Amino acid sequence: MRKKELRLIVTFHTTADAMAMEKACKEHAVPGRLIPVPRVISAGCGLSWCTELEERENIKAMMQSVGIEEEDMHECMV
């Protein structure tokens, strides 16, 4: 079993936004992966983007440049 660590969790309004995030992150070499939204978080979509805390500013800039809007950003043990 994977050891839980504090991560940045980005939630989305729709599944389409989550899928667009995965595509954009691959194209821009932004680390992370799609995961189910952790139970401690309530979100409009069942998917979220999980990455290192240090990536917060990179994620925000990339999302703004490609036009993806997050629902929220959380720091969560995953």
N, C-alpha and C. Protein backbone atom coordinates (compact mmCIF):
# COMPACT_ATOMS: atom_id res chain seq x y z
N MET A 1 0.84 -1.18 0.00
CA MET A 1 0.00 0.00 0.00
C MET A 1 0.88 1.24 0.00
N ARG A 2 0.48 2.22 -0.78
CA ARG A 2 1.23 3.46 -0.91
C ARG A 2 1.13 4.29 0.38
N LYS A 3 2.26 4.89 0.78
CA LYS A 3 2.29 5.75 1.96
C LYS A 3 1.59 7.07 1.62
N LYS A 4 0.70 7.52 2.51
CA LYS A 4 -0.03 8.77 2.28
C LYS A 4 0.89 9.96 2.51
N GLU A 5 0.79 10.93 1.60
CA GLU A 5 1.57 12.16 1.69
C GLU A 5 0.67 13.35 1.41
N LEU A 6 1.07 14.51 1.88
CA LEU A 6 0.33 15.73 1.61
C LEU A 6 0.50 16.12 0.15
N ARG A 7 -0.60 16.24 -0.56
CA ARG A 7 -0.58 16.53 -2.00
C ARG A 7 -1.54 17.67 -2.32
N LEU A 8 -1.33 18.27 -3.48
CA LEU A 8 -2.25 19.26 -4.01
C LEU A 8 -3.31 18.52 -4.82
N ILE A 9 -4.57 18.76 -4.49
CA ILE A 9 -5.69 18.13 -5.18
C ILE A 9 -6.50 19.24 -5.85
N VAL A 10 -6.64 19.13 -7.17
CA VAL A 10 -7.41 20.11 -7.95
C VAL A 10 -8.72 19.44 -8.34
N THR A 11 -9.84 20.05 -7.95
CA THR A 11 -11.15 19.51 -8.31
C THR A 11 -11.76 20.33 -9.44
N PHE A 12 -12.71 19.73 -10.13
CA PHE A 12 -13.31 20.34 -11.33
C PHE A 12 -14.83 20.30 -11.26
N HIS A 13 -15.46 21.19 -12.02
CA HIS A 13 -16.92 21.23 -12.10
C HIS A 13 -17.45 20.06 -12.91
N THR A 14 -16.72 19.65 -13.96
CA THR A 14 -17.20 18.60 -14.86
C THR A 14 -16.11 17.59 -15.16
N THR A 15 -16.52 16.41 -15.58
CA THR A 15 -15.57 15.38 -15.99
C THR A 15 -14.80 15.84 -17.22
N ALA A 16 -15.44 16.59 -18.10
CA ALA A 16 -14.76 17.11 -19.30
C ALA A 16 -13.58 18.00 -18.91
N ASP A 17 -13.75 18.83 -17.87
CA ASP A 17 -12.65 19.67 -17.40
C ASP A 17 -11.50 18.81 -16.86
N ALA A 18 -11.84 17.75 -16.14
CA ALA A 18 -10.81 16.85 -15.60
C ALA A 18 -10.03 16.18 -16.73
N MET A 19 -10.74 15.74 -17.76
CA MET A 19 -10.08 15.09 -18.89
C MET A 19 -9.22 16.09 -19.67
N ALA A 20 -9.70 17.32 -19.80
CA ALA A 20 -8.92 18.37 -20.47
C ALA A 20 -7.65 18.67 -19.67
N MET A 21 -7.76 18.62 -18.35
CA MET A 21 -6.60 18.84 -17.48
C MET A 21 -5.55 17.77 -17.71
N GLU A 22 -5.98 16.52 -17.79
CA GLU A 22 -5.03 15.43 -18.02
C GLU A 22 -4.30 15.62 -19.35
N LYS A 23 -5.04 15.96 -20.39
CA LYS A 23 -4.44 16.18 -21.71
C LYS A 23 -3.46 17.36 -21.68
N ALA A 24 -3.88 18.48 -21.08
CA ALA A 24 -3.03 19.67 -21.03
C ALA A 24 -1.76 19.41 -20.22
N CYS A 25 -1.87 18.68 -19.12
CA CYS A 25 -0.70 18.40 -18.29
C CYS A 25 0.30 17.52 -19.04
N LYS A 26 -0.19 16.57 -19.80
CA LYS A 26 0.71 15.74 -20.60
C LYS A 26 1.41 16.58 -21.65
N GLU A 27 0.67 17.47 -22.31
CA GLU A 27 1.25 18.32 -23.36
C GLU A 27 2.27 19.30 -22.81
N HIS A 28 2.07 19.78 -21.57
CA HIS A 28 2.97 20.77 -20.97
C HIS A 28 3.94 20.16 -19.96
N ALA A 29 4.01 18.84 -19.92
CA ALA A 29 4.93 18.12 -19.03
C ALA A 29 4.77 18.53 -17.56
N VAL A 30 3.52 18.69 -17.15
CA VAL A 30 3.22 19.01 -15.75
C VAL A 30 2.96 17.69 -15.02
N PRO A 31 3.71 17.42 -13.95
CA PRO A 31 3.54 16.13 -13.27
C PRO A 31 2.22 16.01 -12.53
N GLY A 32 1.75 14.79 -12.40
CA GLY A 32 0.53 14.52 -11.65
C GLY A 32 -0.27 13.43 -12.33
N ARG A 33 -1.46 13.16 -11.77
CA ARG A 33 -2.32 12.13 -12.34
C ARG A 33 -3.76 12.36 -11.90
N LEU A 34 -4.69 11.83 -12.69
CA LEU A 34 -6.10 11.88 -12.32
C LEU A 34 -6.36 10.81 -11.26
N ILE A 35 -7.11 11.18 -10.24
CA ILE A 35 -7.51 10.24 -9.19
C ILE A 35 -8.98 10.50 -8.85
N PRO A 36 -9.65 9.53 -8.24
CA PRO A 36 -10.99 9.81 -7.72
C PRO A 36 -10.89 10.89 -6.64
N VAL A 37 -11.90 11.73 -6.55
CA VAL A 37 -11.89 12.78 -5.52
C VAL A 37 -11.86 12.11 -4.14
N PRO A 38 -10.90 12.50 -3.28
CA PRO A 38 -10.84 11.93 -1.94
C PRO A 38 -12.15 12.18 -1.18
N ARG A 39 -12.51 11.27 -0.31
CA ARG A 39 -13.78 11.34 0.42
C ARG A 39 -13.93 12.60 1.27
N VAL A 40 -12.83 13.15 1.73
CA VAL A 40 -12.89 14.33 2.60
C VAL A 40 -13.22 15.61 1.82
N ILE A 41 -13.24 15.51 0.49
CA ILE A 41 -13.51 16.66 -0.36
C ILE A 41 -14.84 16.45 -1.08
N SER A 42 -15.63 17.49 -1.16
CA SER A 42 -16.87 17.45 -1.94
C SER A 42 -16.62 18.21 -3.23
N ALA A 43 -16.96 17.59 -4.38
CA ALA A 43 -16.72 18.23 -5.67
C ALA A 43 -17.84 17.89 -6.64
N GLY A 44 -17.98 18.73 -7.66
CA GLY A 44 -19.01 18.53 -8.66
C GLY A 44 -18.73 17.35 -9.57
N CYS A 45 -17.47 17.00 -9.72
CA CYS A 45 -17.05 15.91 -10.59
C CYS A 45 -16.36 14.86 -9.73
N GLY A 46 -16.37 13.62 -10.15
CA GLY A 46 -15.77 12.55 -9.37
C GLY A 46 -14.28 12.38 -9.56
N LEU A 47 -13.67 13.20 -10.46
CA LEU A 47 -12.24 13.09 -10.72
C LEU A 47 -11.51 14.34 -10.25
N SER A 48 -10.25 14.18 -9.87
CA SER A 48 -9.42 15.31 -9.46
C SER A 48 -8.00 15.08 -9.96
N TRP A 49 -7.22 16.16 -9.99
CA TRP A 49 -5.82 16.08 -10.39
C TRP A 49 -4.98 16.11 -9.12
N CYS A 50 -4.08 15.16 -9.01
CA CYS A 50 -3.22 15.03 -7.83
C CYS A 50 -1.77 15.31 -8.24
N THR A 51 -1.11 16.20 -7.52
CA THR A 51 0.29 16.53 -7.82
C THR A 51 0.99 17.01 -6.55
N GLU A 52 2.25 17.30 -6.68
CA GLU A 52 3.05 17.79 -5.56
C GLU A 52 2.60 19.21 -5.19
N LEU A 53 2.71 19.56 -3.90
CA LEU A 53 2.33 20.90 -3.43
C LEU A 53 3.10 22.00 -4.16
N GLU A 54 4.36 21.73 -4.48
CA GLU A 54 5.22 22.73 -5.10
C GLU A 54 4.76 23.11 -6.52
N GLU A 55 3.87 22.32 -7.08
CA GLU A 55 3.40 22.57 -8.45
C GLU A 55 2.23 23.55 -8.53
N ARG A 56 1.78 24.08 -7.39
CA ARG A 56 0.59 24.94 -7.36
C ARG A 56 0.66 26.09 -8.38
N GLU A 57 1.73 26.86 -8.38
CA GLU A 57 1.83 28.01 -9.28
C GLU A 57 1.94 27.57 -10.74
N ASN A 58 2.68 26.49 -11.00
CA ASN A 58 2.78 25.97 -12.37
C ASN A 58 1.42 25.53 -12.88
N ILE A 59 0.67 24.84 -12.02
CA ILE A 59 -0.66 24.35 -12.39
C ILE A 59 -1.58 25.54 -12.69
N LYS A 60 -1.59 26.54 -11.81
CA LYS A 60 -2.45 27.71 -12.03
C LYS A 60 -2.13 28.40 -13.34
N ALA A 61 -0.85 28.60 -13.61
CA ALA A 61 -0.44 29.28 -14.85
C ALA A 61 -0.82 28.48 -16.08
N MET A 62 -0.57 27.18 -16.05
CA MET A 62 -0.90 26.33 -17.19
C MET A 62 -2.41 26.30 -17.43
N MET A 63 -3.19 26.16 -16.36
CA MET A 63 -4.64 26.11 -16.49
C MET A 63 -5.18 27.42 -17.07
N GLN A 64 -4.63 28.54 -16.62
CA GLN A 64 -5.07 29.83 -17.14
C GLN A 64 -4.72 29.96 -18.62
N SER A 65 -3.54 29.49 -19.01
CA SER A 65 -3.11 29.62 -20.41
C SER A 65 -3.94 28.78 -21.36
N VAL A 66 -4.47 27.62 -20.90
CA VAL A 66 -5.27 26.76 -21.77
C VAL A 66 -6.77 26.90 -21.53
N GLY A 67 -7.17 27.70 -20.55
CA GLY A 67 -8.58 27.97 -20.32
C GLY A 67 -9.34 26.91 -19.54
N ILE A 68 -8.67 26.23 -18.62
CA ILE A 68 -9.34 25.25 -17.76
C ILE A 68 -9.61 25.92 -16.42
N GLU A 69 -10.84 25.81 -15.94
CA GLU A 69 -11.21 26.41 -14.66
C GLU A 69 -11.37 25.32 -13.60
N GLU A 70 -10.66 25.47 -12.50
CA GLU A 70 -10.79 24.51 -11.41
C GLU A 70 -11.99 24.87 -10.55
N GLU A 71 -12.52 23.88 -9.88
CA GLU A 71 -13.57 24.14 -8.89
C GLU A 71 -12.90 24.66 -7.62
N ASP A 72 -11.81 23.96 -7.22
CA ASP A 72 -11.07 24.35 -6.02
C ASP A 72 -9.73 23.65 -6.00
N MET A 73 -8.83 24.12 -5.14
CA MET A 73 -7.55 23.45 -4.90
C MET A 73 -7.45 23.17 -3.42
N HIS A 74 -7.06 21.94 -3.09
CA HIS A 74 -6.99 21.49 -1.70
C HIS A 74 -5.61 20.91 -1.42
N GLU A 75 -5.20 21.00 -0.16
CA GLU A 75 -4.04 20.24 0.30
C GLU A 75 -4.62 19.09 1.12
N CYS A 76 -4.29 17.88 0.71
CA CYS A 76 -4.95 16.72 1.29
C CYS A 76 -3.97 15.55 1.39
N MET A 77 -4.12 14.72 2.42
CA MET A 77 -3.32 13.50 2.54
C MET A 77 -3.88 12.46 1.57
N VAL A 78 -3.06 12.07 0.62
CA VAL A 78 -3.48 11.07 -0.38
C VAL A 78 -2.40 10.02 -0.47
